[in-house]
């Protein structure tokens, strides 16, 4: 696994700042945000670099066409927030909540989702390369026309996830939950699964077990 982490050497001496003050600028660098709650805000074409978010809650909002480079999110909540057409490069989501978040048409390169609740997340048409999902809930998530490259699922809940025109060739699903996953034979072909998971995919063959 060769996923680049945020370059933590640049996180020394971060400046504590409030979001309302910081977002007046188009580019935000080396700042630390802590314990704030926002809802129904709209931000466009904004860039965060070498920043940390801790216990930040931004709900039912739009942060579209945004760029996040070398950003760490700890215990944050972005439920039902849209990040369409955004870029996440060398980012970490630790123990976060992204339920219902919209990352369609976004770029995710060298990103780790660890211990994160991302139920109903929309990743349609996103470019997903060198991304780790570990002990993360992706239940009811939506992948559509994605090209996955070096994507890793470790103990992930993919139950009732939907994959459409998204090949899982060379992806290891063997220690994840794929119960009631919605996928075609073409897209699951070449993935690694265990014997018990094979039972969850028999419906693709149109057979029944007595």
N, C-alpha and C. Protein backbone atom coordinates (compact mmCIF):
# COMPACT_ATOMS: atom_id res chain seq x y z
N UNK A 1 0.85 -1.20 0.00
CA UNK A 1 0.00 0.00 0.00
C UNK A 1 0.88 1.24 0.00
N UNK A 2 0.68 2.08 -0.97
CA UNK A 2 1.56 3.23 -1.15
C UNK A 2 0.73 4.51 -1.18
N UNK A 3 0.13 4.84 -0.04
CA UNK A 3 -0.69 6.05 0.05
C UNK A 3 0.09 7.12 0.79
N UNK A 4 0.26 8.25 0.15
CA UNK A 4 0.99 9.35 0.77
C UNK A 4 0.12 10.02 1.83
N UNK A 5 0.68 10.22 3.01
CA UNK A 5 -0.04 10.88 4.08
C UNK A 5 0.20 12.39 4.03
N UNK A 6 -0.65 13.17 4.71
CA UNK A 6 -0.39 14.61 4.79
C UNK A 6 1.02 14.87 5.30
N UNK A 7 1.66 15.84 4.73
CA UNK A 7 3.05 16.13 5.08
C UNK A 7 3.09 16.87 6.42
N UNK A 8 3.15 16.07 7.48
CA UNK A 8 2.97 16.61 8.82
C UNK A 8 4.09 17.55 9.27
N UNK A 9 5.20 17.54 8.56
CA UNK A 9 6.28 18.47 8.90
C UNK A 9 5.83 19.91 8.74
N UNK A 10 4.80 20.13 7.92
CA UNK A 10 4.31 21.49 7.68
C UNK A 10 3.22 21.90 8.67
N UNK A 11 2.89 21.01 9.63
CA UNK A 11 1.81 21.31 10.56
C UNK A 11 2.31 21.96 11.85
N UNK A 12 3.58 22.25 11.92
CA UNK A 12 4.11 22.92 13.10
C UNK A 12 3.65 24.38 13.14
N UNK A 13 3.33 24.83 14.33
CA UNK A 13 2.97 26.23 14.54
C UNK A 13 1.77 26.68 13.71
N UNK A 14 0.74 25.84 13.71
CA UNK A 14 -0.49 26.25 13.04
C UNK A 14 -1.17 27.37 13.81
N UNK A 15 -1.80 28.25 13.07
CA UNK A 15 -2.49 29.39 13.68
C UNK A 15 -3.95 29.02 13.98
N UNK A 16 -4.35 29.17 15.23
CA UNK A 16 -5.76 28.95 15.58
C UNK A 16 -6.62 30.03 14.94
N UNK A 17 -7.69 29.61 14.29
CA UNK A 17 -8.52 30.59 13.59
C UNK A 17 -9.97 30.13 13.60
N UNK A 18 -10.87 31.08 13.47
CA UNK A 18 -12.29 30.79 13.32
C UNK A 18 -12.62 30.70 11.84
N UNK A 19 -13.53 29.80 11.52
CA UNK A 19 -13.88 29.61 10.12
C UNK A 19 -14.41 30.88 9.46
N UNK A 20 -15.25 31.62 10.18
CA UNK A 20 -15.84 32.83 9.59
C UNK A 20 -14.77 33.82 9.16
N UNK A 21 -13.69 33.88 9.91
CA UNK A 21 -12.59 34.80 9.57
C UNK A 21 -11.77 34.24 8.41
N UNK A 22 -11.47 32.95 8.47
CA UNK A 22 -10.59 32.35 7.48
C UNK A 22 -11.21 32.34 6.09
N UNK A 23 -12.49 32.04 6.00
CA UNK A 23 -13.10 31.85 4.68
C UNK A 23 -13.32 33.16 3.92
N UNK A 24 -12.91 34.26 4.50
CA UNK A 24 -12.92 35.51 3.75
C UNK A 24 -11.83 35.52 2.69
N UNK A 25 -10.86 34.61 2.82
CA UNK A 25 -9.77 34.49 1.87
C UNK A 25 -10.02 33.32 0.92
N UNK A 26 -9.46 33.40 -0.28
CA UNK A 26 -9.61 32.31 -1.24
C UNK A 26 -8.70 31.14 -0.91
N UNK A 27 -7.56 31.41 -0.30
CA UNK A 27 -6.63 30.36 0.07
C UNK A 27 -6.31 30.44 1.55
N UNK A 28 -6.41 29.32 2.22
CA UNK A 28 -6.22 29.26 3.67
C UNK A 28 -5.09 28.29 3.96
N UNK A 29 -4.03 28.75 4.60
CA UNK A 29 -2.86 27.93 4.84
C UNK A 29 -2.50 27.90 6.32
N UNK A 30 -2.02 26.73 6.76
CA UNK A 30 -1.44 26.53 8.08
C UNK A 30 -2.34 27.08 9.18
N UNK A 31 -3.59 26.61 9.19
CA UNK A 31 -4.54 27.05 10.21
C UNK A 31 -5.17 25.85 10.91
N UNK A 32 -5.58 26.07 12.14
CA UNK A 32 -6.18 25.02 12.97
C UNK A 32 -7.58 25.48 13.39
N UNK A 33 -8.56 24.65 13.07
CA UNK A 33 -9.95 24.97 13.38
C UNK A 33 -10.48 23.95 14.39
N UNK A 34 -11.16 24.45 15.43
CA UNK A 34 -11.57 23.54 16.50
C UNK A 34 -12.96 23.90 17.03
N UNK A 35 -13.76 22.86 17.22
CA UNK A 35 -15.04 22.96 17.93
C UNK A 35 -15.93 24.08 17.42
N UNK A 36 -16.31 23.98 16.14
CA UNK A 36 -17.25 24.93 15.57
C UNK A 36 -18.38 24.18 14.87
N UNK A 37 -19.55 24.79 14.85
CA UNK A 37 -20.70 24.20 14.18
C UNK A 37 -21.29 25.21 13.20
N UNK A 38 -21.47 24.75 11.96
CA UNK A 38 -22.07 25.58 10.92
C UNK A 38 -23.12 24.76 10.18
N UNK A 39 -24.09 25.42 9.62
CA UNK A 39 -25.08 24.71 8.80
C UNK A 39 -25.57 25.64 7.69
N UNK A 40 -25.90 25.01 6.58
CA UNK A 40 -26.47 25.71 5.43
C UNK A 40 -25.61 26.89 4.97
N UNK A 41 -24.30 26.66 4.94
CA UNK A 41 -23.41 27.68 4.40
C UNK A 41 -23.04 27.30 2.97
N UNK A 42 -22.56 28.25 2.20
CA UNK A 42 -22.16 28.00 0.82
C UNK A 42 -20.79 28.62 0.58
N UNK A 43 -19.84 27.76 0.16
CA UNK A 43 -18.49 28.20 -0.15
C UNK A 43 -18.09 27.61 -1.49
N UNK A 44 -17.44 28.41 -2.33
CA UNK A 44 -17.04 27.94 -3.65
C UNK A 44 -15.60 28.40 -3.93
N UNK A 45 -14.86 27.56 -4.65
CA UNK A 45 -13.51 27.92 -5.12
C UNK A 45 -12.62 28.38 -3.97
N UNK A 46 -12.60 27.61 -2.91
CA UNK A 46 -11.76 27.94 -1.77
C UNK A 46 -10.72 26.84 -1.59
N UNK A 47 -9.53 27.19 -1.11
CA UNK A 47 -8.45 26.21 -0.98
C UNK A 47 -7.92 26.19 0.45
N UNK A 48 -7.81 24.98 0.99
CA UNK A 48 -7.20 24.76 2.31
C UNK A 48 -5.92 23.96 2.12
N UNK A 49 -4.84 24.42 2.72
CA UNK A 49 -3.58 23.70 2.60
C UNK A 49 -2.87 23.71 3.96
N UNK A 50 -2.36 22.53 4.35
CA UNK A 50 -1.70 22.36 5.65
C UNK A 50 -2.60 22.86 6.78
N UNK A 51 -3.80 22.30 6.84
CA UNK A 51 -4.75 22.70 7.88
C UNK A 51 -5.23 21.47 8.66
N UNK A 52 -5.69 21.72 9.89
CA UNK A 52 -6.29 20.69 10.71
C UNK A 52 -7.68 21.13 11.15
N UNK A 53 -8.61 20.19 11.08
CA UNK A 53 -9.97 20.42 11.55
C UNK A 53 -10.24 19.45 12.70
N UNK A 54 -10.66 19.96 13.84
CA UNK A 54 -10.97 19.10 14.98
C UNK A 54 -12.35 19.44 15.53
N UNK A 55 -13.22 18.43 15.53
CA UNK A 55 -14.59 18.59 16.00
C UNK A 55 -15.29 19.77 15.31
N UNK A 56 -15.10 19.84 14.00
CA UNK A 56 -15.79 20.84 13.17
C UNK A 56 -17.03 20.19 12.57
N UNK A 57 -18.14 20.85 12.66
CA UNK A 57 -19.39 20.35 12.12
C UNK A 57 -19.92 21.33 11.08
N UNK A 58 -20.01 20.88 9.83
CA UNK A 58 -20.56 21.69 8.74
C UNK A 58 -21.64 20.84 8.08
N UNK A 59 -22.89 21.15 8.36
CA UNK A 59 -24.01 20.30 7.95
C UNK A 59 -24.87 20.97 6.87
N UNK A 60 -25.44 20.13 6.01
CA UNK A 60 -26.40 20.61 5.01
C UNK A 60 -25.89 21.84 4.27
N UNK A 61 -24.64 21.77 3.86
CA UNK A 61 -24.00 22.94 3.26
C UNK A 61 -23.41 22.61 1.90
N UNK A 62 -22.83 23.63 1.27
CA UNK A 62 -22.14 23.45 -0.01
C UNK A 62 -20.72 24.00 0.13
N UNK A 63 -19.73 23.11 -0.12
CA UNK A 63 -18.33 23.52 -0.20
C UNK A 63 -17.81 22.98 -1.53
N UNK A 64 -18.29 23.54 -2.60
CA UNK A 64 -18.04 22.99 -3.92
C UNK A 64 -16.87 23.67 -4.62
N UNK A 65 -16.26 22.93 -5.53
CA UNK A 65 -15.07 23.39 -6.26
C UNK A 65 -13.98 23.81 -5.28
N UNK A 66 -13.92 23.12 -4.15
CA UNK A 66 -12.92 23.42 -3.12
C UNK A 66 -11.72 22.50 -3.30
N UNK A 67 -10.59 22.92 -2.76
CA UNK A 67 -9.36 22.12 -2.80
C UNK A 67 -8.83 21.95 -1.39
N UNK A 68 -8.54 20.71 -1.03
CA UNK A 68 -7.97 20.40 0.27
C UNK A 68 -6.66 19.65 0.04
N UNK A 69 -5.54 20.28 0.38
CA UNK A 69 -4.23 19.65 0.23
C UNK A 69 -3.56 19.53 1.59
N UNK A 70 -3.12 18.33 1.93
CA UNK A 70 -2.45 18.10 3.21
C UNK A 70 -3.33 18.61 4.36
N UNK A 71 -4.53 18.05 4.44
CA UNK A 71 -5.50 18.46 5.45
C UNK A 71 -5.89 17.23 6.28
N UNK A 72 -5.97 17.41 7.60
CA UNK A 72 -6.36 16.35 8.51
C UNK A 72 -7.69 16.72 9.17
N UNK A 73 -8.65 15.82 9.08
CA UNK A 73 -9.96 16.01 9.71
C UNK A 73 -10.10 15.00 10.84
N UNK A 74 -10.24 15.46 12.06
CA UNK A 74 -10.41 14.58 13.21
C UNK A 74 -11.76 14.84 13.87
N UNK A 75 -12.58 13.79 14.00
CA UNK A 75 -13.86 13.89 14.70
C UNK A 75 -14.75 15.00 14.14
N UNK A 76 -14.78 15.11 12.82
CA UNK A 76 -15.59 16.15 12.16
C UNK A 76 -16.88 15.55 11.60
N UNK A 77 -17.84 16.42 11.35
CA UNK A 77 -19.13 16.00 10.83
C UNK A 77 -19.49 16.86 9.62
N UNK A 78 -19.57 16.21 8.45
CA UNK A 78 -19.92 16.91 7.22
C UNK A 78 -21.16 16.27 6.59
N UNK A 79 -22.08 15.82 7.41
CA UNK A 79 -23.26 15.13 6.90
C UNK A 79 -24.09 16.02 5.98
N UNK A 80 -24.54 15.42 4.88
CA UNK A 80 -25.41 16.09 3.91
C UNK A 80 -24.80 17.37 3.35
N UNK A 81 -23.48 17.40 3.29
CA UNK A 81 -22.79 18.55 2.70
C UNK A 81 -22.24 18.16 1.33
N UNK A 82 -22.33 19.06 0.37
CA UNK A 82 -21.88 18.80 -0.98
C UNK A 82 -20.45 19.31 -1.20
N UNK A 83 -19.59 18.40 -1.68
CA UNK A 83 -18.22 18.76 -2.07
C UNK A 83 -18.04 18.51 -3.57
N UNK A 84 -19.07 18.69 -4.34
CA UNK A 84 -18.98 18.40 -5.78
C UNK A 84 -17.85 19.18 -6.44
N UNK A 85 -17.19 18.50 -7.39
CA UNK A 85 -16.11 19.13 -8.16
C UNK A 85 -14.97 19.64 -7.28
N UNK A 86 -14.74 18.95 -6.17
CA UNK A 86 -13.66 19.35 -5.26
C UNK A 86 -12.48 18.39 -5.39
N UNK A 87 -11.37 18.74 -4.76
CA UNK A 87 -10.17 17.90 -4.79
C UNK A 87 -9.66 17.68 -3.37
N UNK A 88 -9.40 16.42 -3.04
CA UNK A 88 -8.81 16.06 -1.76
C UNK A 88 -7.48 15.35 -2.07
N UNK A 89 -6.39 15.97 -1.71
CA UNK A 89 -5.06 15.46 -2.02
C UNK A 89 -4.26 15.36 -0.72
N UNK A 90 -3.80 14.15 -0.42
CA UNK A 90 -3.08 13.86 0.83
C UNK A 90 -3.90 14.34 2.03
N UNK A 91 -5.05 13.72 2.21
CA UNK A 91 -5.95 14.08 3.31
C UNK A 91 -6.28 12.86 4.15
N UNK A 92 -6.65 13.10 5.41
CA UNK A 92 -7.07 12.04 6.31
C UNK A 92 -8.39 12.42 6.97
N UNK A 93 -9.31 11.47 7.00
CA UNK A 93 -10.55 11.60 7.76
C UNK A 93 -10.51 10.56 8.87
N UNK A 94 -10.39 11.00 10.10
CA UNK A 94 -10.30 10.11 11.24
C UNK A 94 -11.53 10.25 12.13
N UNK A 95 -12.28 9.15 12.28
CA UNK A 95 -13.47 9.17 13.14
C UNK A 95 -14.42 10.31 12.78
N UNK A 96 -14.65 10.46 11.50
CA UNK A 96 -15.52 11.54 11.01
C UNK A 96 -16.88 10.99 10.61
N UNK A 97 -17.78 11.91 10.30
CA UNK A 97 -19.10 11.55 9.81
C UNK A 97 -19.34 12.27 8.50
N UNK A 98 -19.59 11.47 7.44
CA UNK A 98 -19.83 12.02 6.11
C UNK A 98 -21.13 11.46 5.55
N UNK A 99 -22.07 11.18 6.42
CA UNK A 99 -23.32 10.55 6.00
C UNK A 99 -24.08 11.45 5.03
N UNK A 100 -24.36 10.91 3.84
CA UNK A 100 -25.10 11.68 2.84
C UNK A 100 -24.29 12.75 2.15
N UNK A 101 -22.97 12.78 2.35
CA UNK A 101 -22.14 13.79 1.69
C UNK A 101 -22.06 13.50 0.19
N UNK A 102 -21.91 14.55 -0.60
CA UNK A 102 -21.86 14.42 -2.06
C UNK A 102 -20.46 14.80 -2.56
N UNK A 103 -19.72 13.78 -3.00
CA UNK A 103 -18.37 14.01 -3.55
C UNK A 103 -18.33 13.70 -5.04
N UNK A 104 -19.46 13.85 -5.70
CA UNK A 104 -19.53 13.56 -7.13
C UNK A 104 -18.59 14.47 -7.92
N UNK A 105 -18.00 13.90 -8.97
CA UNK A 105 -17.10 14.65 -9.86
C UNK A 105 -15.89 15.23 -9.13
N UNK A 106 -15.51 14.61 -8.03
CA UNK A 106 -14.38 15.11 -7.26
C UNK A 106 -13.13 14.27 -7.51
N UNK A 107 -12.01 14.75 -7.02
CA UNK A 107 -10.74 14.04 -7.11
C UNK A 107 -10.32 13.62 -5.70
N UNK A 108 -10.04 12.34 -5.53
CA UNK A 108 -9.54 11.84 -4.26
C UNK A 108 -8.24 11.10 -4.55
N UNK A 109 -7.13 11.72 -4.22
CA UNK A 109 -5.82 11.12 -4.45
C UNK A 109 -5.05 11.11 -3.13
N UNK A 110 -4.60 9.92 -2.73
CA UNK A 110 -3.87 9.76 -1.47
C UNK A 110 -4.72 10.24 -0.28
N UNK A 111 -5.86 9.59 -0.12
CA UNK A 111 -6.80 9.94 0.95
C UNK A 111 -7.09 8.71 1.79
N UNK A 112 -7.18 8.89 3.11
CA UNK A 112 -7.51 7.79 4.02
C UNK A 112 -8.77 8.14 4.80
N UNK A 113 -9.72 7.21 4.79
CA UNK A 113 -10.93 7.30 5.61
C UNK A 113 -10.82 6.22 6.67
N UNK A 114 -10.64 6.61 7.91
CA UNK A 114 -10.42 5.63 8.98
C UNK A 114 -11.47 5.83 10.07
N UNK A 115 -12.18 4.74 10.39
CA UNK A 115 -13.20 4.81 11.43
C UNK A 115 -14.26 5.85 11.15
N UNK A 116 -14.65 5.97 9.89
CA UNK A 116 -15.55 7.05 9.47
C UNK A 116 -16.90 6.51 9.04
N UNK A 117 -17.95 7.24 9.37
CA UNK A 117 -19.31 6.90 8.95
C UNK A 117 -19.62 7.67 7.66
N UNK A 118 -19.62 6.94 6.55
CA UNK A 118 -19.89 7.57 5.25
C UNK A 118 -21.08 6.90 4.58
N UNK A 119 -22.09 6.57 5.35
CA UNK A 119 -23.30 6.00 4.77
C UNK A 119 -23.91 6.98 3.76
N UNK A 120 -24.42 6.43 2.69
CA UNK A 120 -25.11 7.20 1.64
C UNK A 120 -24.20 8.21 0.95
N UNK A 121 -22.91 8.09 1.08
CA UNK A 121 -22.02 9.02 0.40
C UNK A 121 -22.10 8.79 -1.11
N UNK A 122 -22.05 9.87 -1.87
CA UNK A 122 -22.13 9.79 -3.33
C UNK A 122 -20.75 10.08 -3.92
N UNK A 123 -20.16 9.06 -4.56
CA UNK A 123 -18.85 9.21 -5.17
C UNK A 123 -18.92 9.07 -6.70
N UNK A 124 -20.06 9.35 -7.26
CA UNK A 124 -20.25 9.20 -8.70
C UNK A 124 -19.26 10.04 -9.50
N UNK A 125 -18.68 9.42 -10.51
CA UNK A 125 -17.79 10.12 -11.46
C UNK A 125 -16.54 10.70 -10.79
N UNK A 126 -16.26 10.28 -9.57
CA UNK A 126 -15.07 10.78 -8.88
C UNK A 126 -13.83 10.02 -9.35
N UNK A 127 -12.71 10.70 -9.38
CA UNK A 127 -11.42 10.06 -9.66
C UNK A 127 -10.84 9.60 -8.33
N UNK A 128 -10.69 8.29 -8.17
CA UNK A 128 -10.32 7.72 -6.86
C UNK A 128 -9.04 6.92 -7.03
N UNK A 129 -7.94 7.47 -6.54
CA UNK A 129 -6.63 6.83 -6.71
C UNK A 129 -5.85 6.88 -5.40
N UNK A 130 -5.29 5.73 -5.04
CA UNK A 130 -4.54 5.60 -3.79
C UNK A 130 -5.39 6.07 -2.60
N UNK A 131 -6.50 5.36 -2.40
CA UNK A 131 -7.44 5.72 -1.33
C UNK A 131 -7.66 4.51 -0.44
N UNK A 132 -7.62 4.74 0.87
CA UNK A 132 -7.84 3.69 1.86
C UNK A 132 -9.15 3.94 2.60
N UNK A 133 -10.00 2.91 2.64
CA UNK A 133 -11.18 2.91 3.49
C UNK A 133 -10.94 1.84 4.55
N UNK A 134 -10.81 2.24 5.80
CA UNK A 134 -10.49 1.29 6.87
C UNK A 134 -11.48 1.43 8.02
N UNK A 135 -12.10 0.29 8.36
CA UNK A 135 -13.09 0.27 9.44
C UNK A 135 -14.09 1.42 9.28
N UNK A 136 -14.54 1.57 8.06
CA UNK A 136 -15.42 2.67 7.67
C UNK A 136 -16.74 2.13 7.15
N UNK A 137 -17.82 2.85 7.42
CA UNK A 137 -19.14 2.46 6.97
C UNK A 137 -19.45 3.14 5.63
N UNK A 138 -19.62 2.32 4.61
CA UNK A 138 -20.02 2.82 3.28
C UNK A 138 -21.36 2.22 2.88
N UNK A 139 -22.16 1.94 3.86
CA UNK A 139 -23.47 1.34 3.61
C UNK A 139 -24.31 2.27 2.74
N UNK A 140 -24.93 1.71 1.72
CA UNK A 140 -25.76 2.48 0.78
C UNK A 140 -24.96 3.53 0.00
N UNK A 141 -23.63 3.42 -0.03
CA UNK A 141 -22.85 4.39 -0.80
C UNK A 141 -23.08 4.18 -2.29
N UNK A 142 -22.68 5.15 -3.10
CA UNK A 142 -22.97 5.10 -4.52
C UNK A 142 -21.70 5.40 -5.33
N UNK A 143 -21.23 4.39 -6.07
CA UNK A 143 -20.12 4.55 -7.00
C UNK A 143 -20.68 4.43 -8.41
N UNK A 144 -20.47 5.42 -9.23
CA UNK A 144 -20.95 5.38 -10.61
C UNK A 144 -19.87 5.86 -11.56
N UNK A 145 -19.52 5.00 -12.51
CA UNK A 145 -18.55 5.34 -13.55
C UNK A 145 -17.25 5.86 -12.94
N UNK A 146 -16.79 5.15 -11.92
CA UNK A 146 -15.51 5.49 -11.29
C UNK A 146 -14.40 4.62 -11.86
N UNK A 147 -13.21 5.18 -11.97
CA UNK A 147 -12.02 4.40 -12.27
C UNK A 147 -11.21 4.33 -10.99
N UNK A 148 -11.17 3.13 -10.41
CA UNK A 148 -10.48 2.93 -9.15
C UNK A 148 -9.06 2.46 -9.41
N UNK A 149 -8.10 3.10 -8.78
CA UNK A 149 -6.70 2.70 -8.92
C UNK A 149 -6.05 2.69 -7.55
N UNK A 150 -5.56 1.52 -7.17
CA UNK A 150 -4.94 1.37 -5.85
C UNK A 150 -5.88 1.83 -4.74
N UNK A 151 -7.06 1.21 -4.71
CA UNK A 151 -8.07 1.50 -3.69
C UNK A 151 -8.17 0.29 -2.77
N UNK A 152 -8.18 0.56 -1.46
CA UNK A 152 -8.11 -0.51 -0.47
C UNK A 152 -9.30 -0.43 0.49
N UNK A 153 -9.96 -1.58 0.68
CA UNK A 153 -11.06 -1.69 1.63
C UNK A 153 -10.62 -2.63 2.76
N UNK A 154 -10.56 -2.14 3.98
CA UNK A 154 -10.18 -2.96 5.13
C UNK A 154 -11.28 -2.91 6.18
N UNK A 155 -11.95 -4.03 6.35
CA UNK A 155 -13.03 -4.14 7.34
C UNK A 155 -14.05 -3.02 7.14
N UNK A 156 -14.56 -2.94 5.94
CA UNK A 156 -15.49 -1.88 5.55
C UNK A 156 -16.90 -2.46 5.41
N UNK A 157 -17.89 -1.70 5.81
CA UNK A 157 -19.28 -2.10 5.62
C UNK A 157 -19.76 -1.55 4.27
N UNK A 158 -19.82 -2.45 3.29
CA UNK A 158 -20.29 -2.09 1.95
C UNK A 158 -21.67 -2.68 1.69
N UNK A 159 -22.38 -3.00 2.74
CA UNK A 159 -23.71 -3.60 2.55
C UNK A 159 -24.64 -2.61 1.85
N UNK A 160 -25.33 -3.14 0.86
CA UNK A 160 -26.28 -2.37 0.06
C UNK A 160 -25.62 -1.22 -0.71
N UNK A 161 -24.30 -1.27 -0.84
CA UNK A 161 -23.62 -0.28 -1.69
C UNK A 161 -23.95 -0.55 -3.14
N UNK A 162 -23.92 0.51 -3.95
CA UNK A 162 -24.26 0.38 -5.37
C UNK A 162 -23.06 0.75 -6.23
N UNK A 163 -22.70 -0.16 -7.12
CA UNK A 163 -21.61 0.07 -8.07
C UNK A 163 -22.17 -0.01 -9.48
N UNK A 164 -21.96 1.02 -10.26
CA UNK A 164 -22.48 1.05 -11.63
C UNK A 164 -21.36 1.48 -12.57
N UNK A 165 -21.01 0.60 -13.49
CA UNK A 165 -19.92 0.86 -14.43
C UNK A 165 -18.64 1.26 -13.70
N UNK A 166 -18.36 0.51 -12.63
CA UNK A 166 -17.16 0.76 -11.81
C UNK A 166 -16.50 -0.58 -11.54
N UNK A 167 -15.42 -0.86 -12.21
CA UNK A 167 -14.76 -2.15 -12.08
C UNK A 167 -14.02 -2.28 -10.75
N UNK A 168 -14.22 -3.44 -10.09
CA UNK A 168 -13.49 -3.75 -8.85
C UNK A 168 -12.38 -4.75 -9.10
N UNK A 169 -11.92 -4.82 -10.32
CA UNK A 169 -10.82 -5.73 -10.65
C UNK A 169 -9.60 -5.40 -9.78
N UNK A 170 -9.02 -6.44 -9.19
CA UNK A 170 -7.83 -6.34 -8.34
C UNK A 170 -8.11 -5.68 -6.99
N UNK A 171 -9.37 -5.46 -6.65
CA UNK A 171 -9.72 -4.90 -5.34
C UNK A 171 -10.06 -6.05 -4.39
N UNK A 172 -9.48 -6.01 -3.18
CA UNK A 172 -9.69 -7.06 -2.18
C UNK A 172 -10.86 -6.68 -1.27
N UNK A 173 -11.93 -7.44 -1.35
CA UNK A 173 -13.11 -7.21 -0.52
C UNK A 173 -13.27 -8.29 0.55
N UNK A 174 -12.29 -9.15 0.69
CA UNK A 174 -12.45 -10.38 1.45
C UNK A 174 -12.73 -10.18 2.94
N UNK A 175 -12.32 -9.06 3.52
CA UNK A 175 -12.61 -8.85 4.95
C UNK A 175 -13.63 -7.74 5.17
N UNK A 176 -14.41 -7.44 4.13
CA UNK A 176 -15.45 -6.42 4.23
C UNK A 176 -16.83 -7.05 4.11
N UNK A 177 -17.83 -6.31 4.53
CA UNK A 177 -19.22 -6.77 4.45
C UNK A 177 -19.82 -6.32 3.12
N UNK A 178 -20.17 -7.28 2.26
CA UNK A 178 -20.76 -6.92 0.96
C UNK A 178 -22.19 -7.45 0.85
N UNK A 179 -22.83 -7.66 1.97
CA UNK A 179 -24.19 -8.18 1.96
C UNK A 179 -25.13 -7.24 1.19
N UNK A 180 -25.88 -7.82 0.26
CA UNK A 180 -26.85 -7.09 -0.56
C UNK A 180 -26.20 -6.00 -1.40
N UNK A 181 -24.94 -6.16 -1.73
CA UNK A 181 -24.28 -5.21 -2.62
C UNK A 181 -24.95 -5.25 -3.99
N UNK A 182 -25.06 -4.12 -4.63
CA UNK A 182 -25.69 -4.02 -5.95
C UNK A 182 -24.58 -3.79 -6.97
N UNK A 183 -24.35 -4.79 -7.80
CA UNK A 183 -23.22 -4.73 -8.72
C UNK A 183 -23.47 -5.69 -9.87
N UNK A 184 -22.82 -5.47 -10.98
CA UNK A 184 -22.96 -6.37 -12.14
C UNK A 184 -21.82 -7.39 -12.14
N UNK A 185 -22.01 -8.45 -12.93
CA UNK A 185 -20.95 -9.44 -13.07
C UNK A 185 -19.70 -8.79 -13.64
N UNK A 186 -19.88 -7.89 -14.59
CA UNK A 186 -18.73 -7.23 -15.22
C UNK A 186 -17.92 -6.43 -14.21
N UNK A 187 -18.61 -5.75 -13.30
CA UNK A 187 -17.90 -4.89 -12.35
C UNK A 187 -17.23 -5.67 -11.22
N UNK A 188 -17.79 -6.81 -10.82
CA UNK A 188 -17.20 -7.59 -9.73
C UNK A 188 -16.10 -8.52 -10.23
N UNK A 189 -16.05 -8.73 -11.53
CA UNK A 189 -15.06 -9.65 -12.10
C UNK A 189 -13.64 -9.20 -11.76
N UNK A 190 -12.86 -10.13 -11.22
CA UNK A 190 -11.46 -9.84 -10.89
C UNK A 190 -11.24 -9.36 -9.47
N UNK A 191 -12.33 -9.15 -8.71
CA UNK A 191 -12.20 -8.77 -7.30
C UNK A 191 -11.87 -9.99 -6.47
N UNK A 192 -11.31 -9.77 -5.28
CA UNK A 192 -11.00 -10.86 -4.36
C UNK A 192 -12.06 -10.91 -3.27
N UNK A 193 -12.71 -12.08 -3.13
CA UNK A 193 -13.71 -12.27 -2.09
C UNK A 193 -13.45 -13.60 -1.40
N UNK A 194 -14.09 -13.83 -0.24
CA UNK A 194 -13.96 -15.13 0.42
C UNK A 194 -15.16 -16.02 0.07
N UNK A 195 -15.11 -17.25 0.57
CA UNK A 195 -16.14 -18.22 0.20
C UNK A 195 -17.53 -17.80 0.66
N UNK A 196 -17.64 -17.26 1.86
CA UNK A 196 -18.94 -16.85 2.35
C UNK A 196 -19.50 -15.68 1.55
N UNK A 197 -18.65 -14.77 1.14
CA UNK A 197 -19.12 -13.64 0.34
C UNK A 197 -19.65 -14.07 -1.02
N UNK A 198 -19.15 -15.19 -1.51
CA UNK A 198 -19.62 -15.69 -2.79
C UNK A 198 -21.12 -15.95 -2.76
N UNK A 199 -21.64 -16.33 -1.59
CA UNK A 199 -23.08 -16.56 -1.47
C UNK A 199 -23.87 -15.28 -1.69
N UNK A 200 -23.28 -14.14 -1.30
CA UNK A 200 -23.96 -12.85 -1.47
C UNK A 200 -24.05 -12.44 -2.94
N UNK A 201 -23.28 -13.11 -3.78
CA UNK A 201 -23.23 -12.72 -5.19
C UNK A 201 -23.90 -13.73 -6.11
N UNK A 202 -24.46 -14.77 -5.54
CA UNK A 202 -25.10 -15.78 -6.37
C UNK A 202 -26.29 -15.22 -7.16
N UNK A 203 -26.90 -14.16 -6.65
CA UNK A 203 -28.04 -13.59 -7.37
C UNK A 203 -27.64 -13.13 -8.77
N UNK A 204 -26.35 -12.83 -8.96
CA UNK A 204 -25.89 -12.39 -10.28
C UNK A 204 -26.02 -13.51 -11.32
N UNK A 205 -26.03 -14.75 -10.84
CA UNK A 205 -26.14 -15.90 -11.73
C UNK A 205 -27.59 -16.33 -11.93
N UNK A 206 -28.50 -15.70 -11.20
CA UNK A 206 -29.89 -16.04 -11.34
C UNK A 206 -30.26 -17.39 -10.76
N UNK A 207 -29.49 -17.83 -9.74
CA UNK A 207 -29.77 -19.12 -9.13
C UNK A 207 -30.30 -18.93 -7.72
N UNK A 208 -30.90 -19.99 -7.18
CA UNK A 208 -31.41 -19.98 -5.82
C UNK A 208 -30.79 -21.12 -5.03
N UNK A 209 -30.62 -20.90 -3.74
CA UNK A 209 -30.06 -21.94 -2.87
C UNK A 209 -31.19 -22.56 -2.06
N UNK A 210 -31.25 -23.90 -2.08
CA UNK A 210 -32.29 -24.60 -1.30
C UNK A 210 -31.70 -25.03 0.04
